[in-house]
PDB file of N, CA and C in Angstrom:
ATOM      1  N   MET A   1     -17.446 139.194 124.315  1.00  0.00           N
ATOM      2  CA  MET A   1     -16.499 139.470 124.152  1.00  0.00           C
ATOM      3  C   MET A   1     -15.652 139.493 124.078  1.00  0.00           C
ATOM      4  N   LYS A   2     -13.932 140.288 123.465  1.00  0.00           N
ATOM      5  CA  LYS A   2     -12.875 139.792 122.809  1.00  0.00           C
ATOM      6  C   LYS A   2     -11.503 140.563 123.671  1.00  0.00           C
ATOM      7  N   GLU A   3     -10.486 139.560 124.378  1.00  0.00           N
ATOM      8  CA  GLU A   3      -9.505 140.635 125.303  1.00  0.00           C
ATOM      9  C   GLU A   3      -8.609 140.907 123.930  1.00  0.00           C
ATOM     10  N   TYR A   4      -7.269 141.338 124.083  1.00  0.00           N
ATOM     11  CA  TYR A   4      -6.385 141.744 122.785  1.00  0.00           C
ATOM     12  C   TYR A   4      -5.914 142.158 123.614  1.00  0.00           C
ATOM     13  N   ASP A   5      -4.488 141.231 123.401  1.00  0.00           N
ATOM     14  CA  ASP A   5      -3.131 141.316 124.248  1.00  0.00           C
ATOM     15  C   ASP A   5      -2.532 141.444 122.478  1.00  0.00           C
ATOM     16  N   LEU A   6      -1.607 143.082 123.206  1.00  0.00           N
ATOM     17  CA  LEU A   6      -0.525 144.322 122.009  1.00  0.00           C
ATOM     18  C   LEU A   6       0.814 143.828 122.561  1.00  0.00           C
ATOM     19  N   TYR A   7       1.569 143.218 122.226  1.00  0.00           N
ATOM     20  CA  TYR A   7       2.996 142.933 122.934  1.00  0.00           C
ATOM     21  C   TYR A   7       3.397 144.259 122.184  1.00  0.00           C
ATOM     22  N   VAL A   8       3.972 145.340 122.637  1.00  0.00           N
ATOM     23  CA  VAL A   8       4.706 146.561 122.302  1.00  0.00           C
ATOM     24  C   VAL A   8       5.913 146.459 122.368  1.00  0.00           C
ATOM     25  N   PRO A   9       6.731 146.217 121.202  1.00  0.00           N
ATOM     26  CA  PRO A   9       8.478 146.435 121.433  1.00  0.00           C
ATOM     27  C   PRO A   9       8.659 147.304 122.040  1.00  0.00           C
ATOM     28  N   LEU A  10      10.284 147.403 123.188  1.00  0.00           N
ATOM     29  CA  LEU A  10      10.492 148.317 123.438  1.00  0.00           C
ATOM     30  C   LEU A  10      12.075 148.949 122.315  1.00  0.00           C
ATOM     31  N   SER A  11      12.482 147.941 121.542  1.00  0.00           N
ATOM     32  CA  SER A  11      13.462 149.071 121.128  1.00  0.00           C
ATOM     33  C   SER A  11      12.800 148.250 119.159  1.00  0.00           C
ATOM     34  N   ASN A  12      13.631 149.057 118.048  1.00  0.00           N
ATOM     35  CA  ASN A  12      13.482 148.427 117.317  1.00  0.00           C
ATOM     36  C   ASN A  12      14.265 147.033 116.557  1.00  0.00           C
ATOM     37  N   ASN A  13      14.789 146.574 115.554  1.00  0.00           N
ATOM     38  CA  ASN A  13      14.808 145.911 115.193  1.00  0.00           C
ATOM     39  C   ASN A  13      15.982 145.845 115.240  1.00  0.00           C
ATOM     40  N   ASP A  14      16.907 147.418 115.048  1.00  0.00           N
ATOM     41  CA  ASP A  14      18.115 148.117 114.894  1.00  0.00           C
ATOM     42  C   ASP A  14      18.815 147.604 116.251  1.00  0.00           C
ATOM     43  N   GLY A  15      17.441 147.958 117.639  1.00  0.00           N
ATOM     44  CA  GLY A  15      18.329 147.681 118.435  1.00  0.00           C
ATOM     45  C   GLY A  15      17.688 149.245 119.509  1.00  0.00           C
ATOM     46  N   THR A  16      17.845 149.998 118.516  1.00  0.00           N
ATOM     47  CA  THR A  16      17.582 150.966 119.106  1.00  0.00           C
ATOM     48  C   THR A  16      16.233 151.906 119.962  1.00  0.00           C
ATOM     49  N   PRO A  17      16.338 152.383 121.146  1.00  0.00           N
ATOM     50  CA  PRO A  17      14.631 152.445 121.899  1.00  0.00           C
ATOM     51  C   PRO A  17      13.759 153.301 120.734  1.00  0.00           C
ATOM     52  N   ILE A  18      12.963 152.754 121.256  1.00  0.00           N
ATOM     53  CA  ILE A  18      11.445 153.272 120.704  1.00  0.00           C
ATOM     54  C   ILE A  18      11.070 154.692 121.687  1.00  0.00           C
ATOM     55  N   ASP A  19      10.894 155.808 120.653  1.00  0.00           N
ATOM     56  CA  ASP A  19      10.952 156.683 121.298  1.00  0.00           C
ATOM     57  C   ASP A  19       9.310 156.695 121.869  1.00  0.00           C
ATOM     58  N   ALA A  20       9.645 156.620 123.555  1.00  0.00           N
ATOM     59  CA  ALA A  20       9.005 156.890 124.436  1.00  0.00           C
ATOM     60  C   ALA A  20       7.524 157.555 124.035  1.00  0.00           C
ATOM     61  N   GLN A  21       7.421 158.810 122.995  1.00  0.00           N
ATOM     62  CA  GLN A  21       6.073 159.409 122.942  1.00  0.00           C
ATOM     63  C   GLN A  21       5.763 158.324 122.149  1.00  0.00           C
ATOM     64  N   LYS A  22       5.937 157.458 121.654  1.00  0.00           N
ATOM     65  CA  LYS A  22       5.043 155.992 120.606  1.00  0.00           C
ATOM     66  C   LYS A  22       4.584 155.844 121.280  1.00  0.00           C
ATOM     67  N   LEU A  23       4.413 155.284 122.686  1.00  0.00           N
ATOM     68  CA  LEU A  23       4.014 154.438 123.079  1.00  0.00           C
ATOM     69  C   LEU A  23       3.031 155.261 123.625  1.00  0.00           C
ATOM     70  N   LYS A  24       3.370 156.632 124.628  1.00  0.00           N
ATOM     71  CA  LYS A  24       2.183 157.271 125.351  1.00  0.00           C
ATOM     72  C   LYS A  24       0.672 157.304 123.917  1.00  0.00           C
ATOM     73  N   ASP A  25       1.693 158.055 122.542  1.00  0.00           N
ATOM     74  CA  ASP A  25       0.279 157.665 121.413  1.00  0.00           C
ATOM     75  C   ASP A  25      -0.387 156.655 121.035  1.00  0.00           C
ATOM     76  N   LEU A  26       0.416 155.123 120.753  1.00  0.00           N
ATOM     77  CA  LEU A  26      -0.148 153.885 121.224  1.00  0.00           C
ATOM     78  C   LEU A  26      -1.304 154.009 121.980  1.00  0.00           C
ATOM     79  N   LYS A  27      -0.443 154.179 123.283  1.00  0.00           N
ATOM     80  CA  LYS A  27      -2.184 154.339 124.221  1.00  0.00           C
ATOM     81  C   LYS A  27      -3.132 154.861 124.197  1.00  0.00           C
ATOM     82  N   LYS A  28      -2.526 156.405 123.997  1.00  0.00           N
ATOM     83  CA  LYS A  28      -4.232 156.849 123.842  1.00  0.00           C
ATOM     84  C   LYS A  28      -5.038 156.733 122.916  1.00  0.00           C
ATOM     85  N   ARG A  29      -4.230 156.328 121.899  1.00  0.00           N
ATOM     86  CA  ARG A  29      -4.692 156.062 120.547  1.00  0.00           C
ATOM     87  C   ARG A  29      -5.440 154.861 121.161  1.00  0.00           C
ATOM     88  N   LEU A  30      -5.657 153.213 122.162  1.00  0.00           N
ATOM     89  CA  LEU A  30      -6.148 152.503 122.477  1.00  0.00           C
ATOM     90  C   LEU A  30      -7.559 153.831 123.458  1.00  0.00           C
ATOM     91  N   VAL A  31      -7.065 154.193 124.257  1.00  0.00           N
ATOM     92  CA  VAL A  31      -7.844 154.261 125.216  1.00  0.00           C
ATOM     93  C   VAL A  31      -9.244 155.231 124.449  1.00  0.00           C
ATOM     94  N   ASP A  32      -9.452 155.938 123.626  1.00  0.00           N
ATOM     95  CA  ASP A  32      -9.526 156.636 122.519  1.00  0.00           C
ATOM     96  C   ASP A  32     -10.238 155.432 121.559  1.00  0.00           C
ATOM     97  N   HIS A  33      -9.902 154.413 120.805  1.00  0.00           N
ATOM     98  CA  HIS A  33     -10.586 153.997 120.191  1.00  0.00           C
ATOM     99  C   HIS A  33     -11.613 153.164 120.943  1.00  0.00           C
ATOM    100  N   PHE A  34     -11.139 152.192 121.934  1.00  0.00           N
ATOM    101  CA  PHE A  34     -11.751 151.106 123.421  1.00  0.00           C
ATOM    102  C   PHE A  34     -12.419 151.531 124.299  1.00  0.00           C
ATOM    103  N   GLY A  35     -11.621 152.922 124.545  1.00  0.00           N
ATOM    104  CA  GLY A  35     -12.909 153.239 126.098  1.00  0.00           C
ATOM    105  C   GLY A  35     -11.279 153.617 127.162  1.00  0.00           C
ATOM    106  N   GLY A  36     -10.197 152.180 127.548  1.00  0.00           N
ATOM    107  CA  GLY A  36      -9.972 152.098 128.032  1.00  0.00           C
ATOM    108  C   GLY A  36      -9.440 151.087 128.028  1.00  0.00           C
ATOM    109  N   LEU A  37      -7.566 151.165 128.310  1.00  0.00           N
ATOM    110  CA  LEU A  37      -6.914 149.926 128.883  1.00  0.00           C
ATOM    111  C   LEU A  37      -5.982 149.776 129.413  1.00  0.00           C
ATOM    112  N   THR A  38      -5.123 148.610 129.396  1.00  0.00           N
ATOM    113  CA  THR A  38      -4.628 147.731 130.523  1.00  0.00           C
ATOM    114  C   THR A  38      -2.974 147.612 130.409  1.00  0.00           C
ATOM    115  N   HIS A  39      -2.951 148.271 130.575  1.00  0.00           N
ATOM    116  CA  HIS A  39      -0.609 148.627 130.893  1.00  0.00           C
ATOM    117  C   HIS A  39      -0.243 147.397 131.661  1.00  0.00           C
ATOM    118  N   PHE A  40       0.295 146.536 131.280  1.00  0.00           N
ATOM    119  CA  PHE A  40       1.216 146.235 131.985  1.00  0.00           C
ATOM    120  C   PHE A  40       2.623 146.543 131.825  1.00  0.00           C
ATOM    121  N   PRO A  41       2.934 147.341 132.578  1.00  0.00           N
ATOM    122  CA  PRO A  41       4.112 148.027 132.144  1.00  0.00           C
ATOM    123  C   PRO A  41       5.847 146.976 132.853  1.00  0.00           C
ATOM    124  N   GLN A  42       5.812 145.906 133.363  1.00  0.00           N
ATOM    125  CA  GLN A  42       6.894 145.419 133.555  1.00  0.00           C
ATOM    126  C   GLN A  42       7.874 145.048 132.019  1.00  0.00           C
ATOM    127  N   GLU A  43       8.701 144.799 131.968  1.00  0.00           N
ATOM    128  CA  GLU A  43       9.522 144.561 130.640  1.00  0.00           C
ATOM    129  C   GLU A  43       9.620 142.968 130.973  1.00  0.00           C
ATOM    130  N   ASN A  44       8.987 142.491 129.503  1.00  0.00           N
ATOM    131  CA  ASN A  44       8.980 141.623 129.372  1.00  0.00           C
ATOM    132  C   ASN A  44      10.012 140.883 128.469  1.00  0.00           C
ATOM    133  N   GLU A  45      10.562 139.756 128.451  1.00  0.00           N
ATOM    134  CA  GLU A  45      11.657 139.164 127.523  1.00  0.00           C
ATOM    135  C   GLU A  45      11.545 138.255 126.431  1.00  0.00           C
ATOM    136  N   GLY A  46      10.956 138.223 125.096  1.00  0.00           N
ATOM    137  CA  GLY A  46      10.960 137.272 124.620  1.00  0.00           C
ATOM    138  C   GLY A  46      11.680 137.323 123.724  1.00  0.00           C
ATOM    139  N   LEU A  47      11.624 135.238 123.048  1.00  0.00           N
ATOM    140  CA  LEU A  47      12.681 134.950 122.571  1.00  0.00           C
ATOM    141  C   LEU A  47      12.465 133.710 121.657  1.00  0.00           C
ATOM    142  N   TRP A  48      12.340 133.451 120.585  1.00  0.00           N
ATOM    143  CA  TRP A  48      12.353 132.709 118.936  1.00  0.00           C
ATOM    144  C   TRP A  48      13.782 132.427 118.398  1.00  0.00           C
ATOM    145  N   LYS A  49      13.311 131.332 118.156  1.00  0.00           N
ATOM    146  CA  LYS A  49      14.398 131.160 117.284  1.00  0.00           C
ATOM    147  C   LYS A  49      14.461 131.397 115.234  1.00  0.00           C
ATOM    148  N   VAL A  50      14.624 131.696 114.462  1.00  0.00           N
ATOM    149  CA  VAL A  50      14.904 131.430 113.603  1.00  0.00           C
ATOM    150  C   VAL A  50      16.335 130.526 112.869  1.00  0.00           C
ATOM    151  N   GLY A  51      16.124 129.619 112.722  1.00  0.00           N
ATOM    152  CA  GLY A  51      17.321 128.614 111.341  1.00  0.00           C
ATOM    153  C   GLY A  51      17.666 128.129 113.120  1.00  0.00           C
ATOM    154  N   ALA A  52      18.808 128.770 112.826  1.00  0.00           N
ATOM    155  CA  ALA A  52      20.275 128.677 114.053  1.00  0.00           C
ATOM    156  C   ALA A  52      20.699 129.994 115.269  1.00  0.00           C
ATOM    157  N   PHE A  53      19.685 131.153 114.833  1.00  0.00           N
ATOM    158  CA  PHE A  53      19.623 132.523 115.323  1.00  0.00           C
ATOM    159  C   PHE A  53      18.639 132.604 116.534  1.00  0.00           C
ATOM    160  N   THR A  54      19.171 132.847 117.509  1.00  0.00           N
ATOM    161  CA  THR A  54      17.735 133.703 118.365  1.00  0.00           C
ATOM    162  C   THR A  54      17.912 134.698 118.732  1.00  0.00           C
ATOM    163  N   PHE A  55      16.604 134.922 117.559  1.00  0.00           N
ATOM    164  CA  PHE A  55      16.230 137.019 118.672  1.00  0.00           C
ATOM    165  C   PHE A  55      15.862 136.749 119.864  1.00  0.00           C
ATOM    166  N   ARG A  56      15.776 138.294 120.070  1.00  0.00           N
ATOM    167  CA  ARG A  56      15.559 138.359 122.414  1.00  0.00           C
ATOM    168  C   ARG A  56      15.169 139.938 121.905  1.00  0.00           C
ATOM    169  N   ASP A  57      13.936 139.494 122.532  1.00  0.00           N
ATOM    170  CA  ASP A  57      13.430 141.548 122.511  1.00  0.00           C
ATOM    171  C   ASP A  57      12.483 141.373 123.640  1.00  0.00           C
ATOM    172  N   LYS A  58      12.979 142.464 124.007  1.00  0.00           N
ATOM    173  CA  LYS A  58      11.265 143.418 125.517  1.00  0.00           C
ATOM    174  C   LYS A  58      10.658 143.899 124.526  1.00  0.00           C
ATOM    175  N   ILE A  59       9.674 143.425 125.475  1.00  0.00           N
ATOM    176  CA  ILE A  59       8.156 144.359 125.682  1.00  0.00           C
ATOM    177  C   ILE A  59       7.835 144.487 126.057  1.00  0.00           C
ATOM    178  N   VAL A  60       6.575 144.803 126.802  1.00  0.00           N
ATOM    179  CA  VAL A  60       6.184 145.569 127.510  1.00  0.00           C
ATOM    180  C   VAL A  60       4.432 144.750 126.318  1.00  0.00           C
ATOM    181  N   ILE A  61       2.714 144.802 127.477  1.00  0.00           N
ATOM    182  CA  ILE A  61       2.169 144.325 127.074  1.00  0.00           C
ATOM    183  C   ILE A  61       0.511 145.447 127.624  1.00  0.00           C
ATOM    184  N   LEU A  62       0.026 145.571 126.796  1.00  0.00           N
ATOM    185  CA  LEU A  62      -1.041 146.549 126.842  1.00  0.00           C
ATOM    186  C   LEU A  62      -2.853 145.792 126.183  1.00  0.00           C
ATOM    187  N   ARG A  63      -3.752 145.486 127.034  1.00  0.00           N
ATOM    188  CA  ARG A  63      -4.553 145.100 126.564  1.00  0.00           C
ATOM    189  C   ARG A  63      -5.967 145.479 126.423  1.00  0.00           C
ATOM    190  N   VAL A  64      -6.788 145.789 126.238  1.00  0.00           N
ATOM    191  CA  VAL A  64      -8.442 145.625 125.211  1.00  0.00           C
ATOM    192  C   VAL A  64      -9.023 145.248 126.128  1.00  0.00           C
ATOM    193  N   LEU A  65     -10.394 145.316 126.129  1.00  0.00           N
ATOM    194  CA  LEU A  65     -11.519 144.347 125.960  1.00  0.00           C
ATOM    195  C   LEU A  65     -12.587 144.846 124.517  1.00  0.00           C
ATOM    196  N   ALA A  66     -13.103 144.356 123.272  1.00  0.00           N
ATOM    197  CA  ALA A  66     -14.283 144.109 122.918  1.00  0.00           C
ATOM    198  C   ALA A  66     -15.367 144.164 122.429  1.00  0.00           C
ATOM    199  N   SER A  67     -16.218 144.257 122.048  1.00  0.00           N
ATOM    200  CA  SER A  67     -17.406 144.337 122.093  1.00  0.00           C
ATOM    201  C   SER A  67     -18.031 143.648 120.768  1.00  0.00           C
ATOM    202  N   ASP A  68     -17.320 144.583 119.531  1.00  0.00           N
ATOM    203  CA  ASP A  68     -17.752 143.964 118.217  1.00  0.00           C
ATOM    204  C   ASP A  68     -15.971 143.735 117.781  1.00  0.00           C
ATOM    205  N   PRO A  69     -16.063 142.213 117.836  1.00  0.00           N
ATOM    206  CA  PRO A  69     -14.824 141.362 117.238  1.00  0.00           C
ATOM    207  C   PRO A  69     -14.187 141.943 115.909  1.00  0.00           C
ATOM    208  N   LEU A  70     -15.136 142.050 115.020  1.00  0.00           N
ATOM    209  CA  LEU A  70     -15.263 142.260 113.422  1.00  0.00           C
ATOM    210  C   LEU A  70     -14.334 143.724 113.345  1.00  0.00           C
ATOM    211  N   GLU A  71     -14.658 144.464 113.869  1.00  0.00           N
ATOM    212  CA  GLU A  71     -14.847 146.116 114.248  1.00  0.00           C
ATOM    213  C   GLU A  71     -12.736 146.053 114.345  1.00  0.00           C
ATOM    214  N   ALA A  72     -13.160 145.625 115.791  1.00  0.00           N
ATOM    215  CA  ALA A  72     -11.543 144.920 116.450  1.00  0.00           C
ATOM    216  C   ALA A  72     -10.854 144.564 116.035  1.00  0.00           C
ATOM    217  N   GLN A  73     -10.784 143.037 114.851  1.00  0.00           N
ATOM    218  CA  GLN A  73      -9.822 142.784 114.413  1.00  0.00           C
ATOM    219  C   GLN A  73      -9.021 144.041 113.262  1.00  0.00           C
ATOM    220  N   ALA A  74     -10.126 144.103 112.524  1.00  0.00           N
ATOM    221  CA  ALA A  74      -9.534 145.514 111.438  1.00  0.00           C
ATOM    222  C   ALA A  74      -8.559 145.922 111.756  1.00  0.00           C
ATOM    223  N   PHE A  75      -8.874 146.733 112.624  1.00  0.00           N
ATOM    224  CA  PHE A  75      -8.504 147.907 113.970  1.00  0.00           C
ATOM    225  C   PHE A  75      -7.245 147.221 114.068  1.00  0.00           C
ATOM    226  N   PHE A  76      -6.259 146.388 114.734  1.00  0.00           N
ATOM    227  CA  PHE A  76      -5.787 145.412 115.202  1.00  0.00           C
ATOM    228  C   PHE A  76      -5.250 144.971 113.628  1.00  0.00           C
ATOM    229  N   ALA A  77      -5.383 144.652 112.545  1.00  0.00           N
ATOM    230  CA  ALA A  77      -4.406 144.203 111.523  1.00  0.00           C
ATOM    231  C   ALA A  77      -4.422 145.863 110.657  1.00  0.00           C
ATOM    232  N   GLU A  78      -4.681 147.213 110.897  1.00  0.00           N
ATOM    233  CA  GLU A  78      -4.354 148.252 110.460  1.00  0.00           C
ATOM    234  C   GLU A  78      -2.911 148.496 111.598  1.00  0.00           C
ATOM    235  N   LEU A  79      -3.375 148.938 112.389  1.00  0.00           N
ATOM    236  CA  LEU A  79      -2.219 148.860 113.988  1.00  0.00           C
ATOM    237  C   LEU A  79      -1.010 148.009 113.689  1.00  0.00           C
ATOM    238  N   LYS A  80      -1.470 146.625 113.368  1.00  0.00           N
ATOM    239  CA  LYS A  80      -0.145 145.934 112.782  1.00  0.00           C
ATOM    240  C   LYS A  80       0.419 146.534 111.639  1.00  0.00           C
ATOM    241  N   LYS A  81      -0.108 146.171 111.361  1.00  0.00           N
ATOM    242  CA  LYS A  81       0.684 146.970 109.895  1.00  0.00           C
ATOM    243  C   LYS A  81       1.759 148.703 110.150  1.00  0.00           C
ATOM    244  N   GLU A  82       1.096 149.922 110.338  1.00  0.00           N
ATOM    245  CA  GLU A  82       1.324 150.444 110.795  1.00  0.00           C
ATOM    246  C   GLU A  82       2.760 149.807 112.346  1.00  0.00           C
ATOM    247  N   MET A  83       2.741 149.587 113.102  1.00  0.00           N
ATOM    248  CA  MET A  83       3.364 149.430 113.582  1.00  0.00           C
ATOM    249  C   MET A  83       4.530 148.862 113.292  1.00  0.00           C
ATOM    250  N   GLN A  84       4.582 147.759 112.162  1.00  0.00           N
ATOM    251  CA  GLN A  84       5.901 146.968 111.754  1.00  0.00           C
ATOM    252  C   GLN A  84       6.782 148.735 111.112  1.00  0.00           C
ATOM    253  N   ARG A  85       5.543 149.344 110.379  1.00  0.00           N
ATOM    254  CA  ARG A  85       6.202 150.386 109.221  1.00  0.00           C
ATOM    255  C   ARG A  85       7.207 150.981 110.160  1.00  0.00           C
ATOM    256  N   ASN A  86       5.982 151.383 111.569  1.00  0.00           N
ATOM    257  CA  ASN A  86       6.905 152.987 112.316  1.00  0.00           C
ATOM    258  C   ASN A  86       8.252 152.192 112.883  1.00  0.00           C
ATOM    259  N   CYS A  87       7.801 151.222 113.794  1.00  0.00           N
ATOM    260  CA  CYS A  87       8.707 150.723 114.295  1.00  0.00           C
ATOM    261  C   CYS A  87       9.405 149.986 114.300  1.00  0.00           C
ATOM    262  N   ALA A  88       9.972 149.497 112.903  1.00  0.00           N
ATOM    263  CA  ALA A  88      11.049 148.486 112.139  1.00  0.00           C
ATOM    264  C   ALA A  88      10.822 147.193 112.981  1.00  0.00           C
ATOM    265  N   GLN A  89       9.259 146.835 112.525  1.00  0.00           N
ATOM    266  CA  GLN A  89       9.417 145.398 113.039  1.00  0.00           C
ATOM    267  C   GLN A  89       9.260 144.568 112.255  1.00  0.00           C
ATOM    268  N   GLU A  90       9.723 143.458 112.091  1.00  0.00           N
ATOM    269  CA  GLU A  90       9.810 142.190 110.883  1.00  0.00           C
ATOM    270  C   GLU A  90       7.850 142.029 111.264  1.00  0.00           C
ATOM    271  N   ASP A  91       7.389 141.808 113.191  1.00  0.00           N
ATOM    272  CA  ASP A  91       5.845 140.959 113.192  1.00  0.00           C
ATOM    273  C   ASP A  91       5.952 141.938 114.143  1.00  0.00           C
ATOM    274  N   VAL A  92       4.681 142.131 114.101  1.00  0.00           N
ATOM    275  CA  VAL A  92       4.322 142.925 115.969  1.00  0.00           C
ATOM    276  C   VAL A  92       3.040 141.294 116.781  1.00  0.00           C
ATOM    277  N   LEU A  93       3.504 141.009 118.022  1.00  0.00           N
ATOM    278  CA  LEU A  93       2.056 139.650 118.259  1.00  0.00           C
ATOM    279  C   LEU A  93       1.251 139.932 118.180  1.00  0.00           C
ATOM    280  N   ILE A  94       0.239 140.221 118.077  1.00  0.00           N
ATOM    281  CA  ILE A  94      -1.410 140.471 119.353  1.00  0.00           C
ATOM    282  C   ILE A  94      -2.357 139.407 119.231  1.00  0.00           C
ATOM    283  N   VAL A  95      -2.675 139.072 120.731  1.00  0.00           N
ATOM    284  CA  VAL A  95      -3.362 137.646 121.050  1.00  0.00           C
ATOM    285  C   VAL A  95      -5.011 138.596 121.320  1.00  0.00           C
ATOM    286  N   VAL A  96      -5.221 136.674 120.911  1.00  0.00           N
ATOM    287  CA  VAL A  96      -6.706 137.100 121.025  1.00  0.00           C
ATOM    288  C   VAL A  96      -7.457 136.083 121.812  1.00  0.00           C
ATOM    289  N   ARG A  97      -8.438 136.745 122.612  1.00  0.00           N
ATOM    290  CA  ARG A  97      -9.510 135.711 123.900  1.00  0.00           C
ATOM    291  C   ARG A  97     -10.051 135.806 123.753  1.00  0.00           C
ATOM    292  N   ASP A  98     -11.369 135.234 123.825  1.00  0.00           N
ATOM    293  CA  ASP A  98     -13.272 134.971 124.811  1.00  0.00           C
ATOM    294  C   ASP A  98     -13.027 135.372 125.504  1.00  0.00           C
ATOM    295  N   VAL A  99     -13.523 136.465 126.057  1.00  0.00           N
ATOM    296  CA  VAL A  99     -13.586 135.795 127.275  1.00  0.00           C
ATOM    297  C   VAL A  99     -14.796 136.757 127.894  1.00  0.00           C
ATOM    298  N   GLN A 100     -15.686 136.629 129.173  1.00  0.00           N
ATOM    299  CA  GLN A 100     -17.024 136.838 129.705  1.00  0.00           C
ATOM    300  C   GLN A 100     -16.344 137.641 130.845  1.00  0.00           C
ATOM    301  N   THR A 101     -17.519 138.685 131.065  1.00  0.00           N
ATOM    302  CA  THR A 101     -16.790 139.399 131.891  1.00  0.00           C
ATOM    303  C   THR A 101     -18.124 139.256 133.367  1.00  0.00           C
ATOM    304  N   VAL A 102     -17.822 139.791 134.365  1.00  0.00           N
ATOM    305  CA  VAL A 102     -18.481 138.999 135.415  1.00  0.00           C
ATOM    306  C   VAL A 102     -19.567 140.568 136.145  1.00  0.00           C
TER     307      VAL A 102
END
């Protein structure tokens, strides 16, 4: 089984807030596809450097579990492209881990 953490930006690259409905729609899509999710609603700050400039981003994390890693990988590859396009992001971080449930 794989665990996927989707780091969802709360603003576009130009600093404007992402429409709250987009987050609701994303959560529904993940629940419909994977059967559930965990939403970590606390705001987190991401920092990264490109050259001499430090970028800052506010994000929340959505986590899903997937029993079919190949199918999930394809799903998240497409979702990442959509989020980059629809949320005006240079990149979207998606972390995957092997997990074992008890």
